[in-house]
Amino acid sequence: MPKPAVYFAVVETADRSARAVLGRKLLMQALSRIVGQKASDYRIMAADSGRPIVVADHPGADGAETGISVSLSHSGNWLAGAATGLGPVGIDIELMRAGRDLAGIADIAFGPEERRRASRDGASGFYRIWTLREAIAKAHGTGLTMAADGHDRVNDGPDEGIWFWDSAQLAHWRLPARLALALAVFPISPQPEIIWERFESDP
């Protein structure tokens, strides 16, 4: 039985034309960790919404969706991917760029308590809230509609770390190179503890 884990990786690539191929490769490597062997019986496809999904790719499977959830994100030259068998997962990575109108974005997208926290904590607080909102929205499959709806969601919780939120577990870290990384997983069955396993992508 697979361990209750979310597998994720962050890679840098200057070749943006190869990003889609690298993203699928990243997700296949995460899948291999879930199934405990080479994930040759699976394929990464795009749903009608554009989000990546995992389908079975063996005789008689007819491309049926599996119980494995995957998510991808990119910002600048950075790409992040996550996979788990626990339930819907979302990942978001953001490069903290200078010159963005963070207050203006927060006024449109965040709830009132989130706006207050972002104003108090500055750029790092803004990117914490934005990446967490994006990760939650991706796990729900709603994209920017939910990420920018003006409702408070992650005004509470630590600046960094792992914590319970609603029916989810959230994670947020600040990485070198001015990167903010957030993940959200909504387990189908209760999980007292989830293993968050970052792995190094194979060449």
N, C-alpha and C. Protein backbone atom coordinates (compact mmCIF):
# COMPACT_ATOMS: atom_id res chain seq x y z
N MET A 1 0.85 -1.20 0.00
CA MET A 1 0.00 0.00 0.00
C MET A 1 0.89 1.25 0.00
N PRO A 2 0.62 2.23 -0.92
CA PRO A 2 1.46 3.42 -0.98
C PRO A 2 1.40 4.20 0.33
N LYS A 3 2.53 4.81 0.71
CA LYS A 3 2.53 5.59 1.94
C LYS A 3 1.77 6.91 1.71
N PRO A 4 1.23 7.50 2.79
CA PRO A 4 0.43 8.72 2.63
C PRO A 4 1.32 9.92 2.35
N ALA A 5 1.73 10.05 1.10
CA ALA A 5 2.73 11.06 0.75
C ALA A 5 2.28 11.93 -0.41
N VAL A 6 2.78 13.15 -0.39
CA VAL A 6 2.72 14.04 -1.55
C VAL A 6 4.16 14.19 -2.04
N TYR A 7 4.41 13.83 -3.29
CA TYR A 7 5.74 13.91 -3.88
C TYR A 7 5.81 15.17 -4.75
N PHE A 8 6.86 15.94 -4.58
CA PHE A 8 6.97 17.16 -5.38
C PHE A 8 8.43 17.47 -5.68
N ALA A 9 8.63 18.23 -6.75
CA ALA A 9 9.98 18.60 -7.17
C ALA A 9 9.95 19.99 -7.78
N VAL A 10 11.08 20.67 -7.71
CA VAL A 10 11.26 21.99 -8.30
C VAL A 10 12.51 21.94 -9.16
N VAL A 11 12.40 22.36 -10.41
CA VAL A 11 13.55 22.35 -11.32
C VAL A 11 13.64 23.68 -12.04
N GLU A 12 14.86 24.01 -12.46
CA GLU A 12 15.09 25.22 -13.24
C GLU A 12 15.39 24.81 -14.67
N THR A 13 14.78 25.51 -15.62
CA THR A 13 15.05 25.24 -17.03
C THR A 13 14.99 26.55 -17.79
N ALA A 14 16.05 26.84 -18.53
CA ALA A 14 16.08 28.06 -19.34
C ALA A 14 15.37 27.85 -20.67
N ASP A 15 15.13 26.59 -21.05
CA ASP A 15 14.52 26.27 -22.34
C ASP A 15 13.00 26.19 -22.17
N ARG A 16 12.33 27.31 -22.37
CA ARG A 16 10.88 27.34 -22.17
C ARG A 16 10.13 26.49 -23.18
N SER A 17 10.73 26.28 -24.36
CA SER A 17 10.05 25.47 -25.37
C SER A 17 9.94 24.01 -24.95
N ALA A 18 10.84 23.59 -24.03
CA ALA A 18 10.83 22.19 -23.58
C ALA A 18 10.07 22.02 -22.26
N ARG A 19 9.42 23.10 -21.78
CA ARG A 19 8.79 23.05 -20.46
C ARG A 19 7.68 22.02 -20.37
N ALA A 20 6.87 21.88 -21.40
CA ALA A 20 5.77 20.92 -21.37
C ALA A 20 6.31 19.49 -21.26
N VAL A 21 7.36 19.19 -22.02
CA VAL A 21 7.96 17.85 -21.98
C VAL A 21 8.57 17.60 -20.60
N LEU A 22 9.27 18.59 -20.08
CA LEU A 22 9.90 18.44 -18.77
C LEU A 22 8.84 18.29 -17.68
N GLY A 23 7.74 19.01 -17.81
CA GLY A 23 6.66 18.89 -16.82
C GLY A 23 6.10 17.48 -16.77
N ARG A 24 5.85 16.90 -17.93
CA ARG A 24 5.34 15.52 -17.97
C ARG A 24 6.37 14.54 -17.39
N LYS A 25 7.64 14.78 -17.69
CA LYS A 25 8.70 13.93 -17.16
C LYS A 25 8.74 14.02 -15.64
N LEU A 26 8.61 15.21 -15.13
CA LEU A 26 8.61 15.44 -13.68
C LEU A 26 7.46 14.68 -13.02
N LEU A 27 6.28 14.76 -13.62
CA LEU A 27 5.11 14.07 -13.06
C LEU A 27 5.27 12.56 -13.15
N MET A 28 5.87 12.06 -14.21
CA MET A 28 6.09 10.62 -14.32
C MET A 28 7.06 10.13 -13.25
N GLN A 29 8.06 10.94 -12.93
CA GLN A 29 9.00 10.57 -11.87
C GLN A 29 8.29 10.53 -10.52
N ALA A 30 7.37 11.47 -10.30
CA ALA A 30 6.60 11.45 -9.06
C ALA A 30 5.68 10.23 -9.02
N LEU A 31 5.08 9.90 -10.15
CA LEU A 31 4.23 8.71 -10.24
C LEU A 31 5.00 7.45 -9.89
N SER A 32 6.22 7.35 -10.36
CA SER A 32 7.04 6.17 -10.07
C SER A 32 7.24 6.00 -8.57
N ARG A 33 7.33 7.11 -7.86
CA ARG A 33 7.48 7.02 -6.40
C ARG A 33 6.19 6.56 -5.75
N ILE A 34 5.06 6.90 -6.32
CA ILE A 34 3.78 6.46 -5.76
C ILE A 34 3.58 4.97 -5.96
N VAL A 35 3.83 4.48 -7.17
CA VAL A 35 3.55 3.08 -7.49
C VAL A 35 4.72 2.16 -7.14
N GLY A 36 5.88 2.75 -6.79
CA GLY A 36 7.02 1.94 -6.36
C GLY A 36 7.77 1.26 -7.49
N GLN A 37 7.53 1.68 -8.70
CA GLN A 37 8.23 1.12 -9.85
C GLN A 37 8.10 2.09 -11.02
N LYS A 38 8.70 1.76 -12.14
CA LYS A 38 8.58 2.62 -13.31
C LYS A 38 7.12 2.74 -13.71
N ALA A 39 6.65 3.97 -13.93
CA ALA A 39 5.22 4.21 -14.16
C ALA A 39 4.85 4.02 -15.63
N SER A 40 5.23 2.88 -16.19
CA SER A 40 4.99 2.65 -17.62
C SER A 40 3.53 2.35 -17.93
N ASP A 41 2.72 2.04 -16.91
CA ASP A 41 1.30 1.77 -17.13
C ASP A 41 0.44 3.03 -17.01
N TYR A 42 1.09 4.19 -16.98
CA TYR A 42 0.36 5.44 -16.82
C TYR A 42 0.78 6.45 -17.88
N ARG A 43 -0.10 7.39 -18.11
CA ARG A 43 0.19 8.45 -19.08
C ARG A 43 -0.36 9.77 -18.53
N ILE A 44 0.33 10.87 -18.78
CA ILE A 44 -0.14 12.19 -18.40
C ILE A 44 -0.88 12.78 -19.59
N MET A 45 -2.12 13.17 -19.38
CA MET A 45 -2.95 13.79 -20.42
C MET A 45 -3.41 15.15 -19.93
N ALA A 46 -4.01 15.91 -20.82
CA ALA A 46 -4.61 17.19 -20.45
C ALA A 46 -6.12 17.05 -20.44
N ALA A 47 -6.75 17.45 -19.35
CA ALA A 47 -8.22 17.46 -19.28
C ALA A 47 -8.74 18.58 -20.17
N ASP A 48 -10.05 18.63 -20.38
CA ASP A 48 -10.64 19.68 -21.21
C ASP A 48 -10.28 21.07 -20.67
N SER A 49 -10.13 21.17 -19.36
CA SER A 49 -9.79 22.45 -18.74
C SER A 49 -8.32 22.81 -18.93
N GLY A 50 -7.50 21.84 -19.38
CA GLY A 50 -6.08 22.06 -19.57
C GLY A 50 -5.23 21.52 -18.43
N ARG A 51 -5.85 21.18 -17.29
CA ARG A 51 -5.06 20.68 -16.16
C ARG A 51 -4.59 19.25 -16.47
N PRO A 52 -3.42 18.87 -15.95
CA PRO A 52 -2.91 17.52 -16.22
C PRO A 52 -3.67 16.47 -15.41
N ILE A 53 -3.91 15.33 -16.03
CA ILE A 53 -4.54 14.20 -15.35
C ILE A 53 -3.73 12.93 -15.65
N VAL A 54 -3.90 11.92 -14.80
CA VAL A 54 -3.21 10.65 -14.98
C VAL A 54 -4.22 9.62 -15.47
N VAL A 55 -3.90 8.96 -16.58
CA VAL A 55 -4.77 7.91 -17.10
C VAL A 55 -3.99 6.60 -17.17
N ALA A 56 -4.73 5.51 -17.08
CA ALA A 56 -4.12 4.19 -17.19
C ALA A 56 -3.76 3.92 -18.64
N ASP A 57 -2.61 3.31 -18.88
CA ASP A 57 -2.13 3.08 -20.23
C ASP A 57 -1.64 1.64 -20.37
N HIS A 58 -2.58 0.70 -20.19
CA HIS A 58 -2.25 -0.71 -20.37
C HIS A 58 -3.44 -1.39 -21.04
N PRO A 59 -3.28 -2.56 -21.61
CA PRO A 59 -4.37 -3.23 -22.34
C PRO A 59 -5.63 -3.33 -21.49
N GLY A 60 -6.74 -2.90 -22.07
CA GLY A 60 -8.02 -2.98 -21.38
C GLY A 60 -8.35 -1.79 -20.50
N ALA A 61 -7.40 -0.88 -20.34
CA ALA A 61 -7.65 0.27 -19.45
C ALA A 61 -8.49 1.33 -20.14
N ASP A 62 -8.41 1.41 -21.47
CA ASP A 62 -9.19 2.38 -22.24
C ASP A 62 -8.98 3.82 -21.77
N GLY A 63 -7.78 4.14 -21.29
CA GLY A 63 -7.47 5.51 -20.90
C GLY A 63 -8.26 6.03 -19.72
N ALA A 64 -8.70 5.13 -18.84
CA ALA A 64 -9.49 5.56 -17.69
C ALA A 64 -8.63 6.36 -16.72
N GLU A 65 -9.24 7.38 -16.09
CA GLU A 65 -8.53 8.14 -15.07
C GLU A 65 -8.24 7.26 -13.88
N THR A 66 -7.12 7.53 -13.25
CA THR A 66 -6.72 6.79 -12.06
C THR A 66 -7.09 7.59 -10.81
N GLY A 67 -6.77 7.07 -9.67
CA GLY A 67 -7.00 7.80 -8.42
C GLY A 67 -5.82 8.66 -8.02
N ILE A 68 -4.94 8.95 -8.97
CA ILE A 68 -3.74 9.74 -8.68
C ILE A 68 -3.95 11.16 -9.21
N SER A 69 -3.66 12.12 -8.36
CA SER A 69 -3.82 13.54 -8.72
C SER A 69 -2.45 14.16 -8.94
N VAL A 70 -2.34 15.01 -9.97
CA VAL A 70 -1.08 15.68 -10.28
C VAL A 70 -1.34 17.17 -10.50
N SER A 71 -0.28 17.95 -10.37
CA SER A 71 -0.39 19.40 -10.58
C SER A 71 0.96 19.93 -11.02
N LEU A 72 0.93 20.97 -11.87
CA LEU A 72 2.14 21.62 -12.37
C LEU A 72 2.03 23.13 -12.19
N SER A 73 3.19 23.78 -12.08
CA SER A 73 3.23 25.23 -12.01
C SER A 73 4.56 25.70 -12.57
N HIS A 74 4.57 26.90 -13.15
CA HIS A 74 5.84 27.46 -13.62
C HIS A 74 5.85 28.97 -13.38
N SER A 75 7.04 29.50 -13.20
CA SER A 75 7.23 30.93 -13.03
C SER A 75 8.65 31.26 -13.43
N GLY A 76 8.82 32.16 -14.38
CA GLY A 76 10.16 32.44 -14.91
C GLY A 76 10.76 31.17 -15.48
N ASN A 77 11.98 30.84 -15.07
CA ASN A 77 12.64 29.62 -15.53
C ASN A 77 12.38 28.42 -14.63
N TRP A 78 11.46 28.56 -13.69
CA TRP A 78 11.24 27.52 -12.68
C TRP A 78 9.96 26.74 -12.95
N LEU A 79 10.05 25.45 -12.69
CA LEU A 79 8.93 24.53 -12.90
C LEU A 79 8.78 23.67 -11.64
N ALA A 80 7.55 23.48 -11.20
CA ALA A 80 7.28 22.65 -10.02
C ALA A 80 6.16 21.68 -10.35
N GLY A 81 6.27 20.46 -9.84
CA GLY A 81 5.25 19.44 -10.07
C GLY A 81 5.01 18.64 -8.80
N ALA A 82 3.77 18.14 -8.67
CA ALA A 82 3.40 17.34 -7.50
C ALA A 82 2.46 16.23 -7.92
N ALA A 83 2.50 15.13 -7.16
CA ALA A 83 1.61 13.99 -7.40
C ALA A 83 1.33 13.29 -6.08
N THR A 84 0.10 12.76 -5.97
CA THR A 84 -0.27 12.00 -4.78
C THR A 84 -1.46 11.10 -5.10
N GLY A 85 -1.57 10.03 -4.33
CA GLY A 85 -2.75 9.16 -4.42
C GLY A 85 -3.75 9.45 -3.32
N LEU A 86 -3.52 10.50 -2.53
CA LEU A 86 -4.37 10.79 -1.38
C LEU A 86 -5.66 11.50 -1.75
N GLY A 87 -5.61 12.31 -2.79
CA GLY A 87 -6.76 13.12 -3.18
C GLY A 87 -6.30 14.29 -4.02
N PRO A 88 -7.20 15.21 -4.37
CA PRO A 88 -6.83 16.34 -5.22
C PRO A 88 -5.66 17.15 -4.65
N VAL A 89 -4.71 17.47 -5.52
CA VAL A 89 -3.53 18.22 -5.11
C VAL A 89 -3.34 19.42 -6.02
N GLY A 90 -2.80 20.49 -5.46
CA GLY A 90 -2.46 21.67 -6.25
C GLY A 90 -1.10 22.17 -5.82
N ILE A 91 -0.33 22.69 -6.76
CA ILE A 91 0.99 23.26 -6.46
C ILE A 91 1.11 24.58 -7.18
N ASP A 92 1.79 25.53 -6.54
CA ASP A 92 2.07 26.80 -7.21
C ASP A 92 3.45 27.29 -6.80
N ILE A 93 4.19 27.77 -7.78
CA ILE A 93 5.50 28.37 -7.53
C ILE A 93 5.48 29.75 -8.16
N GLU A 94 6.06 30.72 -7.46
CA GLU A 94 6.11 32.09 -7.96
C GLU A 94 7.49 32.67 -7.71
N LEU A 95 8.05 33.27 -8.76
CA LEU A 95 9.28 34.04 -8.64
C LEU A 95 8.90 35.43 -8.14
N MET A 96 9.51 35.86 -7.04
CA MET A 96 9.18 37.16 -6.46
C MET A 96 9.85 38.26 -7.29
N ARG A 97 9.11 38.75 -8.27
CA ARG A 97 9.64 39.76 -9.19
C ARG A 97 9.49 41.17 -8.61
N ALA A 98 10.48 42.00 -8.87
CA ALA A 98 10.39 43.40 -8.48
C ALA A 98 9.48 44.14 -9.46
N GLY A 99 8.84 45.18 -8.98
CA GLY A 99 8.06 46.04 -9.86
C GLY A 99 6.61 45.64 -10.07
N ARG A 100 6.16 44.56 -9.48
CA ARG A 100 4.75 44.17 -9.63
C ARG A 100 3.89 44.98 -8.66
N ASP A 101 2.68 45.28 -9.08
CA ASP A 101 1.75 46.03 -8.23
C ASP A 101 1.07 45.04 -7.28
N LEU A 102 1.79 44.66 -6.23
CA LEU A 102 1.28 43.66 -5.31
C LEU A 102 0.03 44.13 -4.59
N ALA A 103 0.02 45.39 -4.17
CA ALA A 103 -1.15 45.92 -3.47
C ALA A 103 -2.37 45.93 -4.39
N GLY A 104 -2.17 46.28 -5.65
CA GLY A 104 -3.28 46.29 -6.60
C GLY A 104 -3.84 44.90 -6.85
N ILE A 105 -2.94 43.92 -6.98
CA ILE A 105 -3.39 42.54 -7.17
C ILE A 105 -4.13 42.05 -5.94
N ALA A 106 -3.59 42.36 -4.75
CA ALA A 106 -4.23 41.95 -3.50
C ALA A 106 -5.62 42.57 -3.38
N ASP A 107 -5.76 43.83 -3.76
CA ASP A 107 -7.07 44.50 -3.67
C ASP A 107 -8.12 43.81 -4.52
N ILE A 108 -7.71 43.26 -5.63
CA ILE A 108 -8.65 42.58 -6.54
C ILE A 108 -8.90 41.14 -6.12
N ALA A 109 -7.84 40.44 -5.71
CA ALA A 109 -7.91 38.98 -5.54
C ALA A 109 -8.16 38.52 -4.12
N PHE A 110 -7.62 39.22 -3.11
CA PHE A 110 -7.61 38.72 -1.74
C PHE A 110 -8.85 39.14 -0.97
N GLY A 111 -9.13 38.42 0.11
CA GLY A 111 -10.14 38.83 1.06
C GLY A 111 -9.59 39.93 1.95
N PRO A 112 -10.46 40.60 2.73
CA PRO A 112 -10.01 41.74 3.55
C PRO A 112 -8.93 41.38 4.57
N GLU A 113 -9.05 40.23 5.24
CA GLU A 113 -8.03 39.84 6.22
C GLU A 113 -6.72 39.46 5.54
N GLU A 114 -6.81 38.85 4.38
CA GLU A 114 -5.60 38.53 3.62
C GLU A 114 -4.90 39.81 3.16
N ARG A 115 -5.68 40.81 2.74
CA ARG A 115 -5.08 42.08 2.33
C ARG A 115 -4.34 42.74 3.49
N ARG A 116 -4.94 42.66 4.69
CA ARG A 116 -4.28 43.23 5.86
C ARG A 116 -2.96 42.51 6.15
N ARG A 117 -3.00 41.17 6.06
CA ARG A 117 -1.78 40.41 6.34
C ARG A 117 -0.71 40.69 5.29
N ALA A 118 -1.10 40.77 4.02
CA ALA A 118 -0.14 41.05 2.95
C ALA A 118 0.47 42.44 3.13
N SER A 119 -0.35 43.41 3.52
CA SER A 119 0.15 44.76 3.75
C SER A 119 1.14 44.79 4.91
N ARG A 120 0.83 44.05 5.97
CA ARG A 120 1.70 43.99 7.14
C ARG A 120 3.02 43.28 6.83
N ASP A 121 2.97 42.17 6.08
CA ASP A 121 4.15 41.31 5.88
C ASP A 121 4.95 41.64 4.63
N GLY A 122 4.45 42.55 3.79
CA GLY A 122 5.19 42.94 2.59
C GLY A 122 5.15 41.88 1.49
N ALA A 123 6.17 41.90 0.64
CA ALA A 123 6.19 41.02 -0.55
C ALA A 123 6.14 39.55 -0.17
N SER A 124 6.87 39.14 0.87
CA SER A 124 6.87 37.72 1.24
C SER A 124 5.48 37.29 1.70
N GLY A 125 4.77 38.20 2.40
CA GLY A 125 3.40 37.88 2.82
C GLY A 125 2.45 37.79 1.64
N PHE A 126 2.61 38.70 0.67
CA PHE A 126 1.77 38.65 -0.53
C PHE A 126 1.95 37.32 -1.25
N TYR A 127 3.22 36.93 -1.48
CA TYR A 127 3.47 35.71 -2.25
C TYR A 127 3.04 34.46 -1.48
N ARG A 128 3.11 34.49 -0.17
CA ARG A 128 2.59 33.37 0.62
C ARG A 128 1.11 33.19 0.33
N ILE A 129 0.35 34.27 0.43
CA ILE A 129 -1.10 34.19 0.24
C ILE A 129 -1.43 33.82 -1.21
N TRP A 130 -0.75 34.45 -2.17
CA TRP A 130 -1.06 34.19 -3.58
C TRP A 130 -0.79 32.74 -3.96
N THR A 131 0.38 32.20 -3.57
CA THR A 131 0.70 30.83 -3.95
C THR A 131 -0.24 29.83 -3.26
N LEU A 132 -0.58 30.07 -2.01
CA LEU A 132 -1.52 29.18 -1.33
C LEU A 132 -2.90 29.21 -1.98
N ARG A 133 -3.36 30.40 -2.33
CA ARG A 133 -4.67 30.51 -3.00
C ARG A 133 -4.65 29.77 -4.34
N GLU A 134 -3.55 29.93 -5.09
CA GLU A 134 -3.42 29.24 -6.37
C GLU A 134 -3.39 27.73 -6.18
N ALA A 135 -2.65 27.25 -5.19
CA ALA A 135 -2.57 25.80 -4.95
C ALA A 135 -3.94 25.24 -4.58
N ILE A 136 -4.68 25.94 -3.74
CA ILE A 136 -6.03 25.49 -3.37
C ILE A 136 -6.94 25.47 -4.59
N ALA A 137 -6.88 26.52 -5.40
CA ALA A 137 -7.73 26.59 -6.60
C ALA A 137 -7.39 25.49 -7.58
N LYS A 138 -6.10 25.18 -7.74
CA LYS A 138 -5.70 24.11 -8.66
C LYS A 138 -6.19 22.76 -8.15
N ALA A 139 -6.12 22.54 -6.85
CA ALA A 139 -6.62 21.28 -6.30
C ALA A 139 -8.12 21.13 -6.56
N HIS A 140 -8.84 22.24 -6.49
CA HIS A 140 -10.28 22.23 -6.77
C HIS A 140 -10.58 22.20 -8.26
N GLY A 141 -9.58 22.49 -9.09
CA GLY A 141 -9.79 22.51 -10.54
C GLY A 141 -10.51 23.75 -11.04
N THR A 142 -10.41 24.87 -10.28
CA THR A 142 -11.15 26.08 -10.65
C THR A 142 -10.27 27.17 -11.23
N GLY A 143 -8.96 27.04 -11.13
CA GLY A 143 -8.07 28.04 -11.70
C GLY A 143 -8.24 29.41 -11.07
N LEU A 144 -8.07 30.46 -11.89
CA LEU A 144 -8.09 31.83 -11.38
C LEU A 144 -9.44 32.24 -10.82
N THR A 145 -10.52 31.59 -11.24
CA THR A 145 -11.84 31.95 -10.72
C THR A 145 -11.86 31.93 -9.21
N MET A 146 -11.32 30.89 -8.61
CA MET A 146 -11.30 30.76 -7.16
C MET A 146 -10.10 31.49 -6.56
N ALA A 147 -8.99 31.52 -7.28
CA ALA A 147 -7.77 32.15 -6.75
C ALA A 147 -7.94 33.64 -6.55
N ALA A 148 -8.83 34.26 -7.32
CA ALA A 148 -8.97 35.72 -7.28
C ALA A 148 -10.40 36.15 -6.97
N ASP A 149 -11.09 35.41 -6.10
CA ASP A 149 -12.51 35.71 -5.84
C ASP A 149 -12.76 36.66 -4.67
N GLY A 150 -11.70 37.14 -4.01
CA GLY A 150 -11.87 38.13 -2.96
C GLY A 150 -12.35 37.59 -1.62
N HIS A 151 -12.36 36.26 -1.45
CA HIS A 151 -12.77 35.67 -0.17
C HIS A 151 -11.54 35.27 0.63
N ASP A 152 -11.55 35.56 1.92
CA ASP A 152 -10.45 35.16 2.79
C ASP A 152 -10.35 33.64 2.85
N ARG A 153 -9.13 33.14 2.73
CA ARG A 153 -8.89 31.71 2.88
C ARG A 153 -7.67 31.42 3.75
N VAL A 154 -6.57 32.09 3.47
CA VAL A 154 -5.32 31.73 4.14
C VAL A 154 -4.74 32.91 4.90
N ASN A 155 -5.61 33.74 5.46
CA ASN A 155 -5.14 34.85 6.29
C ASN A 155 -4.54 34.35 7.60
N ASP A 156 -4.96 33.14 8.05
CA ASP A 156 -4.37 32.52 9.23
C ASP A 156 -3.31 31.51 8.81
N GLY A 157 -2.62 30.95 9.79
CA GLY A 157 -1.61 29.94 9.51
C GLY A 157 -0.21 30.52 9.57
N PRO A 158 0.79 29.65 9.63
CA PRO A 158 2.18 30.11 9.77
C PRO A 158 2.72 30.72 8.49
N ASP A 159 3.80 31.48 8.63
CA ASP A 159 4.46 32.04 7.44
C ASP A 159 5.02 30.94 6.56
N GLU A 160 5.58 29.90 7.19
CA GLU A 160 6.11 28.74 6.48
C GLU A 160 5.78 27.49 7.26
N GLY A 161 5.71 26.38 6.55
CA GLY A 161 5.48 25.10 7.21
C GLY A 161 4.28 24.38 6.65
N ILE A 162 3.75 23.46 7.45
CA ILE A 162 2.65 22.57 7.05
C ILE A 162 1.57 22.68 8.11
N TRP A 163 0.31 22.78 7.69
CA TRP A 163 -0.78 22.89 8.66
C TRP A 163 -2.10 22.43 8.04
N PHE A 164 -3.06 22.17 8.93
CA PHE A 164 -4.40 21.79 8.50
C PHE A 164 -5.20 23.04 8.18
N TRP A 165 -6.01 22.97 7.14
CA TRP A 165 -6.91 24.06 6.77
C TRP A 165 -8.18 23.46 6.18
N ASP A 166 -9.33 23.76 6.80
CA ASP A 166 -10.58 23.22 6.30
C ASP A 166 -10.41 21.70 6.21
N SER A 167 -10.66 21.09 5.07
CA SER A 167 -10.48 19.64 4.92
C SER A 167 -9.15 19.32 4.23
N ALA A 168 -8.26 20.29 4.18
CA ALA A 168 -7.00 20.14 3.45
C ALA A 168 -5.81 20.19 4.39
N GLN A 169 -4.66 19.80 3.84
CA GLN A 169 -3.39 20.13 4.45
C GLN A 169 -2.65 21.04 3.48
N LEU A 170 -2.11 22.13 4.03
CA LEU A 170 -1.40 23.11 3.23
C LEU A 170 0.08 23.11 3.60
N ALA A 171 0.89 23.52 2.65
CA ALA A 171 2.32 23.66 2.88
C ALA A 171 2.82 24.89 2.14
N HIS A 172 3.71 25.64 2.78
CA HIS A 172 4.30 26.81 2.12
C HIS A 172 5.75 26.95 2.58
N TRP A 173 6.62 27.19 1.58
CA TRP A 173 8.04 27.42 1.87
C TRP A 173 8.56 28.54 1.00
N ARG A 174 9.53 29.27 1.55
CA ARG A 174 10.31 30.22 0.76
C ARG A 174 11.61 29.52 0.37
N LEU A 175 11.90 29.51 -0.92
CA LEU A 175 13.07 28.82 -1.43
C LEU A 175 14.12 29.83 -1.87
N PRO A 176 15.37 29.38 -2.03
CA PRO A 176 16.38 30.29 -2.59
C PRO A 176 15.95 30.80 -3.96
N ALA A 177 16.66 31.81 -4.43
CA ALA A 177 16.37 32.45 -5.73
C ALA A 177 15.05 33.19 -5.71
N ARG A 178 14.61 33.66 -4.51
CA ARG A 178 13.38 34.44 -4.35
C ARG A 178 12.17 33.71 -4.91
N LEU A 179 12.00 32.47 -4.48
CA LEU A 179 10.86 31.66 -4.90
C LEU A 179 9.93 31.39 -3.73
N ALA A 180 8.64 31.42 -4.00
CA ALA A 180 7.63 31.00 -3.03
C ALA A 180 6.96 29.75 -3.59
N LEU A 181 6.82 28.73 -2.74
CA LEU A 181 6.24 27.45 -3.15
C LEU A 181 5.13 27.07 -2.20
N ALA A 182 3.97 26.72 -2.75
CA ALA A 182 2.84 26.29 -1.93
C ALA A 182 2.20 25.04 -2.52
N LEU A 183 1.69 24.18 -1.62
CA LEU A 183 0.95 22.98 -2.02
C LEU A 183 -0.30 22.86 -1.17
N ALA A 184 -1.33 22.27 -1.77
CA ALA A 184 -2.57 21.97 -1.05
C ALA A 184 -3.02 20.58 -1.47
N VAL A 185 -3.41 19.76 -0.49
CA VAL A 185 -3.95 18.44 -0.78
C VAL A 185 -5.22 18.25 0.03
N PHE A 186 -6.25 17.71 -0.63
CA PHE A 186 -7.54 17.45 0.00
C PHE A 186 -7.73 15.93 0.06
N PRO A 187 -7.28 15.29 1.15
CA PRO A 187 -7.35 13.82 1.22
C PRO A 187 -8.79 13.32 1.14
N ILE A 188 -8.99 12.24 0.39
CA ILE A 188 -10.31 11.64 0.27
C ILE A 188 -10.72 11.00 1.59
N SER A 189 -9.77 10.40 2.29
CA SER A 189 -10.02 9.84 3.62
C SER A 189 -9.11 10.54 4.62
N PRO A 190 -9.54 10.67 5.87
CA PRO A 190 -8.74 11.41 6.85
C PRO A 190 -7.33 10.86 6.99
N GLN A 191 -6.37 11.76 7.07
CA GLN A 191 -4.96 11.39 7.21
C GLN A 191 -4.38 12.11 8.42
N PRO A 192 -4.03 11.40 9.47
CA PRO A 192 -3.47 12.07 10.64
C PRO A 192 -2.14 12.74 10.34
N GLU A 193 -1.40 12.20 9.40
CA GLU A 193 -0.11 12.79 9.03
C GLU A 193 0.20 12.48 7.58
N ILE A 194 0.57 13.51 6.84
CA ILE A 194 0.95 13.34 5.45
C ILE A 194 2.46 13.58 5.32
N ILE A 195 3.12 12.75 4.55
CA ILE A 195 4.54 12.91 4.29
C ILE A 195 4.69 13.81 3.07
N TRP A 196 5.41 14.90 3.23
CA TRP A 196 5.68 15.82 2.12
C TRP A 196 7.11 15.53 1.67
N GLU A 197 7.25 14.87 0.53
CA GLU A 197 8.57 14.38 0.09
C GLU A 197 9.01 15.10 -1.16
N ARG A 198 9.98 15.98 -0.98
CA ARG A 198 10.57 16.65 -2.14
C ARG A 198 11.66 15.76 -2.70
N PHE A 199 11.65 15.55 -4.02
CA PHE A 199 12.65 14.71 -4.64
C PHE A 199 13.41 15.50 -5.70
N GLU A 200 14.59 15.02 -6.02
CA GLU A 200 15.40 15.63 -7.07
C GLU A 200 15.04 14.96 -8.39
N SER A 201 14.73 15.77 -9.38
CA SER A 201 14.36 15.25 -10.68
C SER A 201 15.54 14.56 -11.34
N ASP A 202 15.28 13.40 -11.96
CA ASP A 202 16.32 12.71 -12.70
C ASP A 202 16.63 13.47 -13.98
N PRO A 203 17.85 13.40 -14.48
CA PRO A 203 18.20 14.12 -15.72
C PRO A 203 17.38 13.62 -16.90
